C-alpha atoms as a PDB file:
ATOM      1  CA  MET A   1     -31.815  10.031 -43.912  1.00  0.00           C
ATOM      2  CA  SER A   2     -28.455  12.757 -43.224  1.00  0.00           C
ATOM      3  CA  ALA A   3     -29.999  13.816 -40.114  1.00  0.00           C
ATOM      4  CA  ALA A   4     -30.567  10.200 -39.133  1.00  0.00           C
ATOM      5  CA  ILE A   5     -26.875   9.288 -39.655  1.00  0.00           C
ATOM      6  CA  VAL A   6     -26.217  12.421 -37.609  1.00  0.00           C
ATOM      7  CA  LEU A   7     -28.060  11.555 -34.856  1.00  0.00           C
ATOM      8  CA  GLY A   8     -26.473   7.946 -34.980  1.00  0.00           C
ATOM      9  CA  VAL A   9     -23.347   9.577 -35.233  1.00  0.00           C
ATOM     10  CA  ILE A  10     -23.578  11.912 -32.347  1.00  0.00           C
ATOM     11  CA  ALA A  11     -25.771   8.762 -30.340  1.00  0.00           C
ATOM     12  CA  ILE A  12     -21.931   6.612 -30.607  1.00  0.00           C
ATOM     13  CA  LEU A  13     -20.437   9.694 -29.676  1.00  0.00           C
ATOM     14  CA  ILE A  14     -22.282  10.259 -26.784  1.00  0.00           C
ATOM     15  CA  ILE A  15     -22.657   6.322 -25.468  1.00  0.00           C
ATOM     16  CA  SER A  16     -18.299   6.245 -25.998  1.00  0.00           C
ATOM     17  CA  VAL A  17     -17.654   8.720 -24.058  1.00  0.00           C
ATOM     18  CA  ILE A  18     -20.589   7.241 -21.038  1.00  0.00           C
ATOM     19  CA  LYS A  19     -17.789   4.192 -21.652  1.00  0.00           C
ATOM     20  CA  ILE A  20     -14.652   5.987 -21.281  1.00  0.00           C
ATOM     21  CA  HIS A  21     -15.964   8.018 -18.269  1.00  0.00           C
ATOM     22  CA  ASN A  22     -17.319   4.685 -16.748  1.00  0.00           C
ATOM     23  CA  GLY A  23     -14.711   3.249 -17.494  1.00  0.00           C
ATOM     24  CA  ILE A  24     -12.301   5.678 -15.747  1.00  0.00           C
ATOM     25  CA  ILE A  25     -14.629   5.603 -12.367  1.00  0.00           C
ATOM     26  CA  ASN A  26     -14.589   1.647 -12.371  1.00  0.00           C
ATOM     27  CA  ARG A  27     -10.288   2.053 -12.420  1.00  0.00           C
ATOM     28  CA  TYR A  28     -10.159   4.878 -10.007  1.00  0.00           C
ATOM     29  CA  ASN A  29     -13.020   2.519  -7.579  1.00  0.00           C
ATOM     30  CA  ALA A  30     -10.362  -0.086  -8.005  1.00  0.00           C
ATOM     31  CA  THR A  31      -7.362   2.002  -7.269  1.00  0.00           C
ATOM     32  CA  VAL A  32      -9.356   3.147  -3.495  1.00  0.00           C
ATOM     33  CA  ARG A  33     -10.265  -0.469  -2.910  1.00  0.00           C
ATOM     34  CA  ALA A  34      -6.827  -1.568  -3.437  1.00  0.00           C
ATOM     35  CA  TRP A  35      -5.709   0.903  -0.766  1.00  0.00           C
ATOM     36  CA  ALA A  36      -8.219   0.209   1.322  1.00  0.00           C
ATOM     37  CA  ASP A  37      -7.157  -3.710   1.179  1.00  0.00           C
ATOM     38  CA  VAL A  38      -3.448  -2.114   1.965  1.00  0.00           C
ATOM     39  CA  VAL A  39      -4.788  -0.316   4.915  1.00  0.00           C
ATOM     40  CA  THR A  40      -6.638  -3.043   6.035  1.00  0.00           C
ATOM     41  CA  GLU A  41      -2.969  -5.183   6.185  1.00  0.00           C
ATOM     42  CA  GLU A  42      -1.709  -2.603   7.773  1.00  0.00           C
ATOM     43  CA  ARG A  43      -3.810  -2.314  10.868  1.00  0.00           C
ATOM     44  CA  ASN A  44      -3.603  -6.245  10.727  1.00  0.00           C
ATOM     45  CA  LYS A  45      -0.299  -5.633  12.675  1.00  0.00           C
ATOM     46  CA  ASN A  46      -1.951  -4.383  15.242  1.00  0.00           C
ATOM     47  CA  GLN A  47      -2.902  -7.788  16.250  1.00  0.00           C
ATOM     48  CA  LEU A  48       0.641  -8.591  16.572  1.00  0.00           C
ATOM     49  CA  PHE A  49       1.766  -5.840  18.927  1.00  0.00           C
ATOM     50  CA  PRO A  50       0.763  -7.221  22.157  1.00  0.00           C
ATOM     51  CA  GLU A  51       2.872 -10.320  21.801  1.00  0.00           C
ATOM     52  CA  ILE A  52       5.760  -8.124  21.065  1.00  0.00           C
ATOM     53  CA  GLU A  53       4.910  -5.758  23.741  1.00  0.00           C
ATOM     54  CA  ARG A  54       4.938  -9.131  26.192  1.00  0.00           C
ATOM     55  CA  LEU A  55       7.885 -10.681  24.804  1.00  0.00           C
ATOM     56  CA  ALA A  56       9.641  -6.822  25.239  1.00  0.00           C
ATOM     57  CA  GLU A  57       8.336  -6.585  28.614  1.00  0.00           C
ATOM     58  CA  SER A  58      10.059  -9.513  29.568  1.00  0.00           C
ATOM     59  CA  PHE A  59      13.866  -7.991  28.582  1.00  0.00           C
ATOM     60  CA  LYS A  60      12.117  -4.423  29.352  1.00  0.00           C
ATOM     61  CA  GLU A  61      15.337  -3.252  31.320  1.00  0.00           C
ATOM     62  CA  HIS A  62      17.254  -4.097  28.647  1.00  0.00           C
ATOM     63  CA  GLU A  63      15.495  -3.461  25.715  1.00  0.00           C
ATOM     64  CA  GLY A  64      12.810  -0.339  25.795  1.00  0.00           C
ATOM     65  CA  SER A  65      13.520   0.578  22.483  1.00  0.00           C
ATOM     66  CA  VAL A  66      11.708  -2.139  21.080  1.00  0.00           C
ATOM     67  CA  LEU A  67       8.744  -1.089  23.150  1.00  0.00           C
ATOM     68  CA  LYS A  68       8.910   2.378  22.117  1.00  0.00           C
ATOM     69  CA  GLY A  69       9.355   0.565  18.326  1.00  0.00           C
ATOM     70  CA  VAL A  70       6.133  -0.728  18.744  1.00  0.00           C
ATOM     71  CA  THR A  71       3.885   1.957  20.077  1.00  0.00           C
ATOM     72  CA  GLU A  72       5.458   4.137  17.765  1.00  0.00           C
ATOM     73  CA  LEU A  73       4.335   2.136  14.511  1.00  0.00           C
ATOM     74  CA  ARG A  74       0.826   1.455  16.332  1.00  0.00           C
ATOM     75  CA  ALA A  75       0.329   5.366  15.804  1.00  0.00           C
ATOM     76  CA  ALA A  76       1.680   6.029  12.694  1.00  0.00           C
ATOM     77  CA  ILE A  77      -0.490   3.323  11.455  1.00  0.00           C
ATOM     78  CA  SER A  78      -3.683   4.106  13.260  1.00  0.00           C
ATOM     79  CA  ARG A  79      -2.892   7.803  11.487  1.00  0.00           C
ATOM     80  CA  ILE A  80      -3.415   5.762   7.464  1.00  0.00           C
ATOM     81  CA  SER A  81      -6.067   7.105   6.276  1.00  0.00           C
ATOM     82  CA  GLU A  82      -8.746   4.917   3.709  1.00  0.00           C
ATOM     83  CA  ASN A  83     -10.121   7.996   2.218  1.00  0.00           C
ATOM     84  CA  ASP A  84      -6.996   9.903   1.045  1.00  0.00           C
ATOM     85  CA  ILE A  85      -4.191   7.662  -0.940  1.00  0.00           C
ATOM     86  CA  ASP A  86      -0.823   8.976   0.969  1.00  0.00           C
ATOM     87  CA  THR A  87       2.448   6.483  -0.559  1.00  0.00           C
ATOM     88  CA  ASN A  88       4.741   8.476   1.847  1.00  0.00           C
ATOM     89  CA  GLN A  89       2.830   8.176   4.618  1.00  0.00           C
ATOM     90  CA  LEU A  90       3.071   4.412   4.076  1.00  0.00           C
ATOM     91  CA  LYS A  91       6.581   4.719   2.875  1.00  0.00           C
ATOM     92  CA  ALA A  92       7.353   5.441   6.823  1.00  0.00           C
ATOM     93  CA  ILE A  93       5.398   2.912   8.218  1.00  0.00           C
ATOM     94  CA  GLN A  94       7.248   0.681   5.995  1.00  0.00           C
ATOM     95  CA  THR A  95      10.793   1.700   7.249  1.00  0.00           C
ATOM     96  CA  GLN A  96       9.316   1.939  10.873  1.00  0.00           C
ATOM     97  CA  THR A  97       8.508  -1.802  10.187  1.00  0.00           C
ATOM     98  CA  SER A  98      11.611  -2.913   9.081  1.00  0.00           C
ATOM     99  CA  SER A  99      13.636  -1.089  12.266  1.00  0.00           C
ATOM    100  CA  LEU A 100      11.119  -2.932  14.323  1.00  0.00           C
ATOM    101  CA  ILE A 101      11.945  -6.339  12.410  1.00  0.00           C
ATOM    102  CA  LYS A 102      15.860  -5.448  12.458  1.00  0.00           C
ATOM    103  CA  ASN A 103      15.432  -4.596  16.458  1.00  0.00           C
ATOM    104  CA  LEU A 104      13.881  -7.886  16.804  1.00  0.00           C
ATOM    105  CA  VAL A 105      16.466  -9.649  15.803  1.00  0.00           C
ATOM    106  CA  ALA A 106      18.817  -7.704  17.260  1.00  0.00           C
ATOM    107  CA  VAL A 107      17.207  -8.678  20.647  1.00  0.00           C
ATOM    108  CA  SER A 108      16.899 -12.475  19.749  1.00  0.00           C
ATOM    109  CA  GLU A 109      20.507 -12.609  18.881  1.00  0.00           C
ATOM    110  CA  ALA A 110      21.400 -10.637  22.641  1.00  0.00           C
ATOM    111  CA  TYR A 111      19.007 -13.294  24.703  1.00  0.00           C
ATOM    112  CA  PRO A 112      19.747 -16.837  23.261  1.00  0.00           C
ATOM    113  CA  GLU A 113      16.734 -17.665  25.343  1.00  0.00           C
ATOM    114  CA  LEU A 114      14.828 -15.514  23.686  1.00  0.00           C
ATOM    115  CA  LYS A 115      15.929 -16.952  19.844  1.00  0.00           C
ATOM    116  CA  SER A 116      15.000 -19.856  20.717  1.00  0.00           C
ATOM    117  CA  SER A 117      11.686 -19.698  22.238  1.00  0.00           C
ATOM    118  CA  GLU A 118       8.504 -20.747  20.248  1.00  0.00           C
ATOM    119  CA  VAL A 119       6.670 -17.914  21.461  1.00  0.00           C
ATOM    120  CA  PHE A 120       9.468 -15.556  19.703  1.00  0.00           C
ATOM    121  CA  ASN A 121       9.874 -17.382  16.700  1.00  0.00           C
ATOM    122  CA  ASN A 122       5.895 -17.246  16.231  1.00  0.00           C
ATOM    123  CA  VAL A 123       5.429 -14.028  16.700  1.00  0.00           C
ATOM    124  CA  ILE A 124       8.466 -13.216  14.101  1.00  0.00           C
ATOM    125  CA  ASN A 125       7.105 -15.985  11.468  1.00  0.00           C
ATOM    126  CA  LYS A 126       3.234 -14.104  12.098  1.00  0.00           C
ATOM    127  CA  PHE A 127       4.959 -10.648  11.295  1.00  0.00           C
ATOM    128  CA  THR A 128       6.873 -11.992   8.496  1.00  0.00           C
ATOM    129  CA  LEU A 129       3.589 -13.487   6.886  1.00  0.00           C
ATOM    130  CA  GLN A 130       1.398  -9.964   7.614  1.00  0.00           C
ATOM    131  CA  GLN A 131       4.345  -8.041   5.832  1.00  0.00           C
ATOM    132  CA  ASP A 132       4.029 -10.779   3.298  1.00  0.00           C
ATOM    133  CA  ASN A 133       0.318 -10.212   2.952  1.00  0.00           C
ATOM    134  CA  ILE A 134       1.283  -6.354   2.557  1.00  0.00           C
ATOM    135  CA  THR A 135       3.772  -6.450  -0.045  1.00  0.00           C
ATOM    136  CA  ALA A 136       0.798  -8.435  -2.029  1.00  0.00           C
ATOM    137  CA  SER A 137      -1.933  -5.980  -1.249  1.00  0.00           C
ATOM    138  CA  LEU A 138       0.939  -3.228  -2.535  1.00  0.00           C
ATOM    139  CA  ARG A 139       1.072  -5.167  -5.387  1.00  0.00           C
ATOM    140  CA  ILE A 140      -2.292  -4.818  -6.054  1.00  0.00           C
ATOM    141  CA  PHE A 141      -2.428  -1.584  -5.531  1.00  0.00           C
ATOM    142  CA  ASN A 142       0.207  -0.618  -7.689  1.00  0.00           C
ATOM    143  CA  ARG A 143      -0.740  -2.521 -10.567  1.00  0.00           C
ATOM    144  CA  ASN A 144      -4.279  -0.980 -10.142  1.00  0.00           C
ATOM    145  CA  VAL A 145      -2.643   2.735  -9.869  1.00  0.00           C
ATOM    146  CA  GLU A 146      -0.967   1.692 -13.794  1.00  0.00           C
ATOM    147  CA  LEU A 147      -4.505   0.925 -15.187  1.00  0.00           C
ATOM    148  CA  PHE A 148      -5.962   3.767 -13.516  1.00  0.00           C
ATOM    149  CA  ASN A 149      -3.184   6.298 -14.604  1.00  0.00           C
ATOM    150  CA  SER A 150      -3.200   4.421 -18.309  1.00  0.00           C
ATOM    151  CA  GLY A 151      -7.134   5.306 -18.533  1.00  0.00           C
ATOM    152  CA  ILE A 152      -6.930   8.389 -17.875  1.00  0.00           C
ATOM    153  CA  GLU A 153      -3.594   9.519 -19.958  1.00  0.00           C
ATOM    154  CA  ILE A 154      -4.056   7.585 -23.253  1.00  0.00           C
ATOM    155  CA  PHE A 155      -6.491   8.688 -26.227  1.00  0.00           C
ATOM    156  CA  PRO A 156      -9.565   9.461 -26.158  1.00  0.00           C
ATOM    157  CA  ASN A 157      -9.728   8.604 -22.191  1.00  0.00           C
ATOM    158  CA  SER A 158      -7.425  11.510 -21.550  1.00  0.00           C
ATOM    159  CA  ILE A 159      -9.899  14.118 -23.498  1.00  0.00           C
ATOM    160  CA  VAL A 160     -13.030  12.766 -21.568  1.00  0.00           C
ATOM    161  CA  ASN A 161     -11.093  12.626 -18.390  1.00  0.00           C
ATOM    162  CA  ASN A 162      -9.706  16.279 -18.980  1.00  0.00           C
ATOM    163  CA  THR A 163     -13.502  17.348 -20.134  1.00  0.00           C
ATOM    164  CA  PHE A 164     -15.784  15.391 -17.630  1.00  0.00           C
ATOM    165  CA  THR A 165     -14.019  13.601 -14.993  1.00  0.00           C
ATOM    166  CA  LYS A 166     -11.452  15.256 -13.931  1.00  0.00           C
ATOM    167  CA  LYS A 167      -9.203  12.917 -12.107  1.00  0.00           C
ATOM    168  CA  VAL A 168      -5.717  12.927 -11.430  1.00  0.00           C
ATOM    169  CA  ARG A 169      -2.748  10.334 -11.847  1.00  0.00           C
ATOM    170  CA  LEU A 170      -2.434   8.773  -8.668  1.00  0.00           C
ATOM    171  CA  ASN A 171       1.085   7.863  -6.937  1.00  0.00           C
ATOM    172  CA  ARG A 172       2.312   4.562  -7.030  1.00  0.00           C
ATOM    173  CA  PHE A 173       4.230   2.953  -4.081  1.00  0.00           C
ATOM    174  CA  HIS A 174       7.350   3.093  -4.189  1.00  0.00           C
ATOM    175  CA  ASP A 175      10.446   1.024  -2.206  1.00  0.00           C
ATOM    176  CA  HIS A 176      12.940   3.080  -2.379  1.00  0.00           C
ATOM    177  CA  ALA A 177      15.339   1.071   0.137  1.00  0.00           C
ATOM    178  CA  ALA A 178      14.671  -1.969  -2.036  1.00  0.00           C
ATOM    179  CA  GLU A 179      15.080   0.089  -5.756  1.00  0.00           C
ATOM    180  CA  ALA A 180      18.614   1.572  -3.981  1.00  0.00           C
ATOM    181  CA  GLY A 181      20.268  -1.890  -3.714  1.00  0.00           C
ATOM    182  CA  PHE A 182      19.584  -2.662  -7.944  1.00  0.00           C
ATOM    183  CA  ASP A 183      22.709  -2.194  -9.949  1.00  0.00           C
ATOM    184  CA  TYR A 184      20.339  -1.836 -13.275  1.00  0.00           C
ATOM    185  CA  LYS A 185      18.473   1.137 -13.243  1.00  0.00           C
ATOM    186  CA  PRO A 186      15.832   1.042 -16.219  1.00  0.00           C
ATOM    187  CA  ASN A 187      15.724   4.489 -18.620  1.00  0.00           C
ATOM    188  CA  PHE A 188      12.317   5.683 -17.965  1.00  0.00           C
END
């Protein structure tokens, strides 16, 4: 009878370890998928660049910086890897995107006929919508990172992870520029 109890306990332990391991892998894969969604949304910005370039071309003699910004941003987006989660690279792209938007707004203010242009307004609206999609993707990514990190740190998952799965914490995406605008700082 005691041998059956020992075998039962061993079986329960093995099943528990397998279940924990599979949970860690599922959360990791969800995070990788969420990162791929962020990369896809970033790359979708490339579809807007020909329109922005056409607009900037019409004011090229005065506003070559817009074309340069589009070219640099396009190159940065093409370097994002779906397989390597690099939030620092994404921070740089978000900074470049903000700079490009500010530059476009400055150009539109300098040229009232551009600001009133339906084409310009459509491009800015599409670009803003794309940024909203990226923001939503980043929220989903950060939530998956949080679930994954919690999943490898809580007990007994941490034991299974350190022994078998060997996954490391992933970094959340932080928008330091946005965080700097807040007076309140939680004491994490």
